[in-house]
Each structure stands twice: as C-alpha cells, then as structure tokens.
PDB file of N, CA and C in Angstrom:
ATOM      1  N   MET A   1       0.841  -1.169   0.000  1.00  0.00           N
ATOM      2  CA  MET A   1       0.000   0.000   0.000  1.00  0.00           C
ATOM      3  C   MET A   1       0.889   1.236   0.000  1.00  0.00           C
ATOM      4  N   LYS A   2       0.605   2.140  -0.897  1.00  0.00           N
ATOM      5  CA  LYS A   2       1.387   3.357  -1.037  1.00  0.00           C
ATOM      6  C   LYS A   2       0.854   4.436  -0.103  1.00  0.00           C
ATOM      7  N   ALA A   3       1.718   5.369   0.273  1.00  0.00           N
ATOM      8  CA  ALA A   3       1.316   6.458   1.163  1.00  0.00           C
ATOM      9  C   ALA A   3       0.258   7.328   0.504  1.00  0.00           C
ATOM     10  N   ALA A   4       0.353   7.528  -0.793  1.00  0.00           N
ATOM     11  CA  ALA A   4      -0.642   8.341  -1.501  1.00  0.00           C
ATOM     12  C   ALA A   4      -2.022   7.698  -1.420  1.00  0.00           C
ATOM     13  N   GLN A   5      -2.060   6.368  -1.451  1.00  0.00           N
ATOM     14  CA  GLN A   5      -3.315   5.644  -1.303  1.00  0.00           C
ATOM     15  C   GLN A   5      -3.927   5.910   0.065  1.00  0.00           C
ATOM     16  N   VAL A   6      -3.097   5.863   1.083  1.00  0.00           N
ATOM     17  CA  VAL A   6      -3.567   6.041   2.455  1.00  0.00           C
ATOM     18  C   VAL A   6      -4.055   7.467   2.665  1.00  0.00           C
ATOM     19  N   HIS A   7      -3.356   8.433   2.109  1.00  0.00           N
ATOM     20  CA  HIS A   7      -3.754   9.834   2.249  1.00  0.00           C
ATOM     21  C   HIS A   7      -5.106  10.096   1.587  1.00  0.00           C
ATOM     22  N   GLY A   8      -5.431   9.327   0.564  1.00  0.00           N
ATOM     23  CA  GLY A   8      -6.687   9.506  -0.141  1.00  0.00           C
ATOM     24  C   GLY A   8      -7.880   8.849   0.533  1.00  0.00           C
ATOM     25  N   MET A   9      -7.655   8.093   1.586  1.00  0.00           N
ATOM     26  CA  MET A   9      -8.739   7.386   2.264  1.00  0.00           C
ATOM     27  C   MET A   9      -9.486   8.307   3.231  1.00  0.00           C
ATOM     28  N   THR A  10     -10.754   7.986   3.432  1.00  0.00           N
ATOM     29  CA  THR A  10     -11.534   8.710   4.434  1.00  0.00           C
ATOM     30  C   THR A  10     -11.209   8.143   5.804  1.00  0.00           C
ATOM     31  N   SER A  11     -11.700   8.802   6.830  1.00  0.00           N
ATOM     32  CA  SER A  11     -11.438   8.364   8.200  1.00  0.00           C
ATOM     33  C   SER A  11     -12.000   6.971   8.457  1.00  0.00           C
ATOM     34  N   ASP A  12     -13.200   6.714   7.946  1.00  0.00           N
ATOM     35  CA  ASP A  12     -13.812   5.402   8.136  1.00  0.00           C
ATOM     36  C   ASP A  12     -13.029   4.315   7.416  1.00  0.00           C
ATOM     37  N   GLN A  13     -12.560   4.639   6.226  1.00  0.00           N
ATOM     38  CA  GLN A  13     -11.769   3.677   5.475  1.00  0.00           C
ATOM     39  C   GLN A  13     -10.461   3.362   6.192  1.00  0.00           C
ATOM     40  N   LEU A  14      -9.844   4.384   6.793  1.00  0.00           N
ATOM     41  CA  LEU A  14      -8.608   4.166   7.547  1.00  0.00           C
ATOM     42  C   LEU A  14      -8.852   3.221   8.715  1.00  0.00           C
ATOM     43  N   SER A  15      -9.925   3.472   9.438  1.00  0.00           N
ATOM     44  CA  SER A  15     -10.241   2.624  10.599  1.00  0.00           C
ATOM     45  C   SER A  15     -10.510   1.188  10.164  1.00  0.00           C
ATOM     46  N   ASP A  16     -11.283   1.013   9.093  1.00  0.00           N
ATOM     47  CA  ASP A  16     -11.591  -0.333   8.603  1.00  0.00           C
ATOM     48  C   ASP A  16     -10.337  -1.053   8.128  1.00  0.00           C
ATOM     49  N   GLU A  17      -9.492  -0.338   7.407  1.00  0.00           N
ATOM     50  CA  GLU A  17      -8.254  -0.935   6.890  1.00  0.00           C
ATOM     51  C   GLU A  17      -7.322  -1.322   8.036  1.00  0.00           C
ATOM     52  N   LEU A  18      -7.286  -0.494   9.067  1.00  0.00           N
ATOM     53  CA  LEU A  18      -6.439  -0.787  10.220  1.00  0.00           C
ATOM     54  C   LEU A  18      -6.898  -2.067  10.916  1.00  0.00           C
ATOM     55  N   VAL A  19      -8.191  -2.216  11.090  1.00  0.00           N
ATOM     56  CA  VAL A  19      -8.732  -3.429  11.717  1.00  0.00           C
ATOM     57  C   VAL A  19      -8.389  -4.653  10.866  1.00  0.00           C
ATOM     58  N   LYS A  20      -8.555  -4.525   9.561  1.00  0.00           N
ATOM     59  CA  LYS A  20      -8.259  -5.635   8.646  1.00  0.00           C
ATOM     60  C   LYS A  20      -6.789  -6.042   8.720  1.00  0.00           C
ATOM     61  N   LEU A  21      -5.906  -5.047   8.737  1.00  0.00           N
ATOM     62  CA  LEU A  21      -4.478  -5.335   8.793  1.00  0.00           C
ATOM     63  C   LEU A  21      -4.062  -5.939  10.128  1.00  0.00           C
ATOM     64  N   LYS A  22      -4.675  -5.474  11.217  1.00  0.00           N
ATOM     65  CA  LYS A  22      -4.362  -6.042  12.535  1.00  0.00           C
ATOM     66  C   LYS A  22      -4.759  -7.516  12.592  1.00  0.00           C
ATOM     67  N   LYS A  23      -5.910  -7.856  11.994  1.00  0.00           N
ATOM     68  CA  LYS A  23      -6.339  -9.255  11.966  1.00  0.00           C
ATOM     69  C   LYS A  23      -5.375 -10.098  11.138  1.00  0.00           C
ATOM     70  N   GLU A  24      -4.955  -9.547  10.001  1.00  0.00           N
ATOM     71  CA  GLU A  24      -4.017 -10.279   9.161  1.00  0.00           C
ATOM     72  C   GLU A  24      -2.682 -10.467   9.875  1.00  0.00           C
ATOM     73  N   GLN A  25      -2.242  -9.442  10.594  1.00  0.00           N
ATOM     74  CA  GLN A  25      -0.996  -9.543  11.348  1.00  0.00           C
ATOM     75  C   GLN A  25      -1.102 -10.637  12.411  1.00  0.00           C
ATOM     76  N   PHE A  26      -2.237 -10.705  13.065  1.00  0.00           N
ATOM     77  CA  PHE A  26      -2.478 -11.734  14.078  1.00  0.00           C
ATOM     78  C   PHE A  26      -2.383 -13.123  13.451  1.00  0.00           C
ATOM     79  N   ASN A  27      -3.034 -13.306  12.304  1.00  0.00           N
ATOM     80  CA  ASN A  27      -3.002 -14.607  11.627  1.00  0.00           C
ATOM     81  C   ASN A  27      -1.595 -14.970  11.155  1.00  0.00           C
ATOM     82  N   LEU A  28      -0.864 -13.982  10.656  1.00  0.00           N
ATOM     83  CA  LEU A  28       0.500 -14.251  10.210  1.00  0.00           C
ATOM     84  C   LEU A  28       1.402 -14.642  11.378  1.00  0.00           C
ATOM     85  N   ARG A  29       1.173 -14.016  12.520  1.00  0.00           N
ATOM     86  CA  ARG A  29       1.969 -14.344  13.698  1.00  0.00           C
ATOM     87  C   ARG A  29       1.752 -15.804  14.103  1.00  0.00           C
ATOM     88  N   PHE A  30       0.505 -16.267  14.023  1.00  0.00           N
ATOM     89  CA  PHE A  30       0.219 -17.663  14.349  1.00  0.00           C
ATOM     90  C   PHE A  30       0.824 -18.610  13.322  1.00  0.00           C
ATOM     91  N   GLN A  31       0.771 -18.228  12.057  1.00  0.00           N
ATOM     92  CA  GLN A  31       1.382 -19.065  11.029  1.00  0.00           C
ATOM     93  C   GLN A  31       2.882 -19.172  11.239  1.00  0.00           C
ATOM     94  N   ALA A  32       3.509 -18.071  11.630  1.00  0.00           N
ATOM     95  CA  ALA A  32       4.952 -18.089  11.869  1.00  0.00           C
ATOM     96  C   ALA A  32       5.289 -18.984  13.059  1.00  0.00           C
ATOM     97  N   ALA A  33       4.472 -18.911  14.091  1.00  0.00           N
ATOM     98  CA  ALA A  33       4.727 -19.705  15.299  1.00  0.00           C
ATOM     99  C   ALA A  33       4.552 -21.196  15.034  1.00  0.00           C
ATOM    100  N   SER A  34       3.636 -21.546  14.142  1.00  0.00           N
ATOM    101  CA  SER A  34       3.385 -22.958  13.863  1.00  0.00           C
ATOM    102  C   SER A  34       4.204 -23.479  12.680  1.00  0.00           C
ATOM    103  N   GLY A  35       5.016 -22.600  12.085  1.00  0.00           N
ATOM    104  CA  GLY A  35       5.882 -23.028  10.989  1.00  0.00           C
ATOM    105  C   GLY A  35       5.175 -23.118   9.653  1.00  0.00           C
ATOM    106  N   GLN A  36       3.996 -22.531   9.511  1.00  0.00           N
ATOM    107  CA  GLN A  36       3.238 -22.609   8.269  1.00  0.00           C
ATOM    108  C   GLN A  36       3.382 -21.363   7.407  1.00  0.00           C
ATOM    109  N   LEU A  37       4.117 -20.377   7.873  1.00  0.00           N
ATOM    110  CA  LEU A  37       4.252 -19.118   7.135  1.00  0.00           C
ATOM    111  C   LEU A  37       5.195 -19.312   5.950  1.00  0.00           C
ATOM    112  N   GLU A  38       4.677 -19.036   4.751  1.00  0.00           N
ATOM    113  CA  GLU A  38       5.489 -19.204   3.552  1.00  0.00           C
ATOM    114  C   GLU A  38       6.124 -17.897   3.095  1.00  0.00           C
ATOM    115  N   ASN A  39       5.385 -16.804   3.173  1.00  0.00           N
ATOM    116  CA  ASN A  39       5.890 -15.514   2.711  1.00  0.00           C
ATOM    117  C   ASN A  39       6.255 -14.655   3.931  1.00  0.00           C
ATOM    118  N   THR A  40       7.483 -14.768   4.379  1.00  0.00           N
ATOM    119  CA  THR A  40       7.904 -14.047   5.586  1.00  0.00           C
ATOM    120  C   THR A  40       7.965 -12.539   5.370  1.00  0.00           C
ATOM    121  N   ALA A  41       8.129 -12.107   4.136  1.00  0.00           N
ATOM    122  CA  ALA A  41       8.183 -10.671   3.848  1.00  0.00           C
ATOM    123  C   ALA A  41       6.837 -10.002   4.091  1.00  0.00           C
ATOM    124  N   ARG A  42       5.774 -10.782   4.050  1.00  0.00           N
ATOM    125  CA  ARG A  42       4.422 -10.231   4.262  1.00  0.00           C
ATOM    126  C   ARG A  42       4.274  -9.672   5.679  1.00  0.00           C
ATOM    127  N   VAL A  43       4.934 -10.253   6.653  1.00  0.00           N
ATOM    128  CA  VAL A  43       4.869  -9.774   8.036  1.00  0.00           C
ATOM    129  C   VAL A  43       5.397  -8.345   8.101  1.00  0.00           C
ATOM    130  N   ARG A  44       6.509  -8.107   7.465  1.00  0.00           N
ATOM    131  CA  ARG A  44       7.119  -6.776   7.448  1.00  0.00           C
ATOM    132  C   ARG A  44       6.233  -5.779   6.706  1.00  0.00           C
ATOM    133  N   GLN A  45       5.677  -6.216   5.593  1.00  0.00           N
ATOM    134  CA  GLN A  45       4.820  -5.356   4.786  1.00  0.00           C
ATOM    135  C   GLN A  45       3.572  -4.936   5.576  1.00  0.00           C
ATOM    136  N   ILE A  46       2.964  -5.866   6.272  1.00  0.00           N
ATOM    137  CA  ILE A  46       1.773  -5.565   7.079  1.00  0.00           C
ATOM    138  C   ILE A  46       2.128  -4.599   8.193  1.00  0.00           C
ATOM    139  N   ARG A  47       3.251  -4.842   8.865  1.00  0.00           N
ATOM    140  CA  ARG A  47       3.670  -3.973   9.964  1.00  0.00           C
ATOM    141  C   ARG A  47       3.857  -2.534   9.479  1.00  0.00           C
ATOM    142  N   ARG A  48       4.451  -2.381   8.324  1.00  0.00           N
ATOM    143  CA  ARG A  48       4.680  -1.043   7.778  1.00  0.00           C
ATOM    144  C   ARG A  48       3.382  -0.387   7.305  1.00  0.00           C
ATOM    145  N   ASP A  49       2.471  -1.179   6.761  1.00  0.00           N
ATOM    146  CA  ASP A  49       1.179  -0.627   6.356  1.00  0.00           C
ATOM    147  C   ASP A  49       0.401  -0.124   7.568  1.00  0.00           C
ATOM    148  N   ILE A  50       0.463  -0.863   8.665  1.00  0.00           N
ATOM    149  CA  ILE A  50      -0.203  -0.436   9.901  1.00  0.00           C
ATOM    150  C   ILE A  50       0.400   0.882  10.376  1.00  0.00           C
ATOM    151  N   ALA A  51       1.713   0.967  10.366  1.00  0.00           N
ATOM    152  CA  ALA A  51       2.383   2.199  10.794  1.00  0.00           C
ATOM    153  C   ALA A  51       2.018   3.367   9.886  1.00  0.00           C
ATOM    154  N   ARG A  52       1.928   3.107   8.592  1.00  0.00           N
ATOM    155  CA  ARG A  52       1.584   4.148   7.631  1.00  0.00           C
ATOM    156  C   ARG A  52       0.175   4.680   7.888  1.00  0.00           C
ATOM    157  N   ILE A  53      -0.761   3.786   8.138  1.00  0.00           N
ATOM    158  CA  ILE A  53      -2.143   4.196   8.410  1.00  0.00           C
ATOM    159  C   ILE A  53      -2.228   4.978   9.712  1.00  0.00           C
ATOM    160  N   MET A  54      -1.542   4.513  10.728  1.00  0.00           N
ATOM    161  CA  MET A  54      -1.586   5.203  12.021  1.00  0.00           C
ATOM    162  C   MET A  54      -0.946   6.587  11.925  1.00  0.00           C
ATOM    163  N   THR A  55       0.102   6.712  11.135  1.00  0.00           N
ATOM    164  CA  THR A  55       0.752   8.012  10.957  1.00  0.00           C
ATOM    165  C   THR A  55      -0.186   8.992  10.282  1.00  0.00           C
ATOM    166  N   VAL A  56      -0.835   8.569   9.216  1.00  0.00           N
ATOM    167  CA  VAL A  56      -1.771   9.447   8.510  1.00  0.00           C
ATOM    168  C   VAL A  56      -2.941   9.812   9.414  1.00  0.00           C
ATOM    169  N   ALA A  57      -3.418   8.864  10.184  1.00  0.00           N
ATOM    170  CA  ALA A  57      -4.543   9.126  11.087  1.00  0.00           C
ATOM    171  C   ALA A  57      -4.172  10.163  12.144  1.00  0.00           C
ATOM    172  N   ARG A  58      -2.960  10.117  12.623  1.00  0.00           N
ATOM    173  CA  ARG A  58      -2.526  11.081  13.641  1.00  0.00           C
ATOM    174  C   ARG A  58      -2.274  12.464  13.053  1.00  0.00           C
ATOM    175  N   GLN A  59      -2.009  12.532  11.767  1.00  0.00           N
ATOM    176  CA  GLN A  59      -1.782  13.812  11.120  1.00  0.00           C
ATOM    177  C   GLN A  59      -3.091  14.543  10.824  1.00  0.00           C
ATOM    178  N   ARG A  60      -4.175  13.816  10.826  1.00  0.00           N
ATOM    179  CA  ARG A  60      -5.474  14.425  10.563  1.00  0.00           C
ATOM    180  C   ARG A  60      -5.900  15.263  11.766  1.00  0.00           C
ATOM    181  N   PRO A  61      -6.824  16.198  11.571  1.00  0.00           N
ATOM    182  CA  PRO A  61      -7.305  17.023  12.692  1.00  0.00           C
ATOM    183  C   PRO A  61      -7.860  16.150  13.822  1.00  0.00           C
ATOM    184  N   ALA A  62      -7.707  16.632  15.033  1.00  0.00           N
ATOM    185  CA  ALA A  62      -8.130  15.874  16.219  1.00  0.00           C
ATOM    186  C   ALA A  62      -9.617  15.565  16.148  1.00  0.00           C
ATOM    187  N   GLY A  63      -9.968  14.349  16.526  1.00  0.00           N
ATOM    188  CA  GLY A  63     -11.356  13.949  16.566  1.00  0.00           C
ATOM    189  C   GLY A  63     -11.899  13.427  15.250  1.00  0.00           C
ATOM    190  N   GLU A  64     -11.170  13.586  14.164  1.00  0.00           N
ATOM    191  CA  GLU A  64     -11.662  13.136  12.868  1.00  0.00           C
ATOM    192  C   GLU A  64     -11.528  11.627  12.722  1.00  0.00           C
ATOM    193  N   VAL A  65     -10.452  11.066  13.247  1.00  0.00           N
ATOM    194  CA  VAL A  65     -10.208   9.638  13.148  1.00  0.00           C
ATOM    195  C   VAL A  65      -9.993   9.094  14.544  1.00  0.00           C
ATOM    196  N   GLU A  66     -10.634   7.972  14.813  1.00  0.00           N
ATOM    197  CA  GLU A  66     -10.432   7.338  16.112  1.00  0.00           C
ATOM    198  C   GLU A  66      -9.529   6.132  15.909  1.00  0.00           C
ATOM    199  N   VAL A  67      -8.313   6.237  16.418  1.00  0.00           N
ATOM    200  CA  VAL A  67      -7.351   5.149  16.339  1.00  0.00           C
ATOM    201  C   VAL A  67      -7.077   4.686  17.753  1.00  0.00           C
ATOM    202  N   ARG A  68      -7.358   3.431  17.986  1.00  0.00           N
ATOM    203  CA  ARG A  68      -7.139   2.897  19.332  1.00  0.00           C
ATOM    204  C   ARG A  68      -5.789   2.212  19.379  1.00  0.00           C
ATOM    205  N   VAL A  69      -4.962   2.690  20.277  1.00  0.00           N
ATOM    206  CA  VAL A  69      -3.624   2.146  20.443  1.00  0.00           C
ATOM    207  C   VAL A  69      -3.482   1.738  21.898  1.00  0.00           C
ATOM    208  N   LYS A  70      -2.987   0.547  22.115  1.00  0.00           N
ATOM    209  CA  LYS A  70      -2.768   0.104  23.480  1.00  0.00           C
ATOM    210  C   LYS A  70      -1.602   0.886  24.068  1.00  0.00           C
ATOM    211  N   PRO A  71      -1.787   1.482  25.241  1.00  0.00           N
ATOM    212  CA  PRO A  71      -0.673   2.216  25.843  1.00  0.00           C
ATOM    213  C   PRO A  71       0.397   1.250  26.325  1.00  0.00           C
ATOM    214  N   LYS A  72       1.627   1.701  26.242  1.00  0.00           N
ATOM    215  CA  LYS A  72       2.722   0.882  26.752  1.00  0.00           C
ATOM    216  C   LYS A  72       2.595   0.801  28.263  1.00  0.00           C
ATOM    217  N   SER A  73       3.047  -0.297  28.828  1.00  0.00           N
ATOM    218  CA  SER A  73       2.933  -0.441  30.272  1.00  0.00           C
ATOM    219  C   SER A  73       3.767   0.647  30.960  1.00  0.00           C
ATOM    220  N   GLU A  74       3.171   1.204  31.964  1.00  0.00           N
ATOM    221  CA  GLU A  74       3.834   2.301  32.648  1.00  0.00           C
ATOM    222  C   GLU A  74       4.938   1.781  33.575  1.00  0.00           C
ATOM    223  N   ALA A  75       5.923   2.606  33.777  1.00  0.00           N
ATOM    224  CA  ALA A  75       7.015   2.231  34.665  1.00  0.00           C
ATOM    225  C   ALA A  75       6.488   2.207  36.098  1.00  0.00           C
ATOM    226  N   PRO A  76       7.045   1.365  36.946  1.00  0.00           N
ATOM    227  CA  PRO A  76       6.573   1.309  38.324  1.00  0.00           C
ATOM    228  C   PRO A  76       6.789   2.655  39.023  1.00  0.00           C
ATOM    229  N   SER A  77       5.842   2.986  39.840  1.00  0.00           N
ATOM    230  CA  SER A  77       5.949   4.280  40.550  1.00  0.00           C
ATOM    231  C   SER A  77       7.106   4.215  41.546  1.00  0.00           C
ATOM    232  N   GLN A  78       7.715   5.347  41.753  1.00  0.00           N
ATOM    233  CA  GLN A  78       8.857   5.405  42.650  1.00  0.00           C
ATOM    234  C   GLN A  78       8.489   6.144  43.932  1.00  0.00           C
ATOM    235  N   GLY A  79       7.227   6.070  44.305  1.00  0.00           N
ATOM    236  CA  GLY A  79       6.746   6.764  45.483  1.00  0.00           C
ATOM    237  C   GLY A  79       7.147   6.082  46.791  1.00  0.00           C
ATOM    238  N   SER A  80       7.482   4.807  46.760  1.00  0.00           N
ATOM    239  CA  SER A  80       7.799   4.104  48.001  1.00  0.00           C
ATOM    240  C   SER A  80       9.272   3.771  48.055  1.00  0.00           C
ATOM    241  N   LYS A  81      10.093   4.775  48.262  1.00  0.00           N
ATOM    242  CA  LYS A  81      11.540   4.563  48.384  1.00  0.00           C
ATOM    243  C   LYS A  81      11.882   4.239  49.821  1.00  0.00           C
ATOM    244  N   ARG A  82      12.864   3.416  49.979  1.00  0.00           N
ATOM    245  CA  ARG A  82      13.307   3.087  51.337  1.00  0.00           C
ATOM    246  C   ARG A  82      14.279   4.164  51.820  1.00  0.00           C
ATOM    247  N   ALA A  83      14.231   4.433  53.100  1.00  0.00           N
ATOM    248  CA  ALA A  83      15.106   5.467  53.658  1.00  0.00           C
ATOM    249  C   ALA A  83      16.409   4.905  54.141  1.00  0.00           C
TER     250      ALA A  83
END
C-alpha cells in the first residue's frame, strides 16, 4: 500500500483498513509460530502498512479519526523509596 493511497482514504476507510491489517498480522503471527508461514516478507509489509495508516490518522485534525492504540505499560511508581 502506497502512502498516496492512504492519504486519499476517508477516516472510516482508515479505521476499517487498520482493523483488517491487525487481523491479518495476528493470523501471520500464528502461522509463523506454527511453521506454516510461507511468505515471511508479508509480516514486514503488514507492519509497515499499519504504521503508515496510524501516521496518517494522527496527522489528521483531532477527533476526525479514532485510532485505538494500546498504551505501553507504565514504569513502576517510585513513590515508596526506602530510607
């Protein structure tokens, strides 16, 4: 998928495409784990397409596109230091 293609998509299309790619990434991960993955380059291509869609979505005005991203786990709080 080219960047120009992604830029031409509507917000709904971006969200739908992102869901589709995430599902495909999930399936490819299982194929790789079970040794059934034949086209290993597809994993990289999907990962980059997801990143491309998320980048375009974040560049759009706030509230126009809803992209759900899991937050990274937060570092443990340092409020309980020993004296």
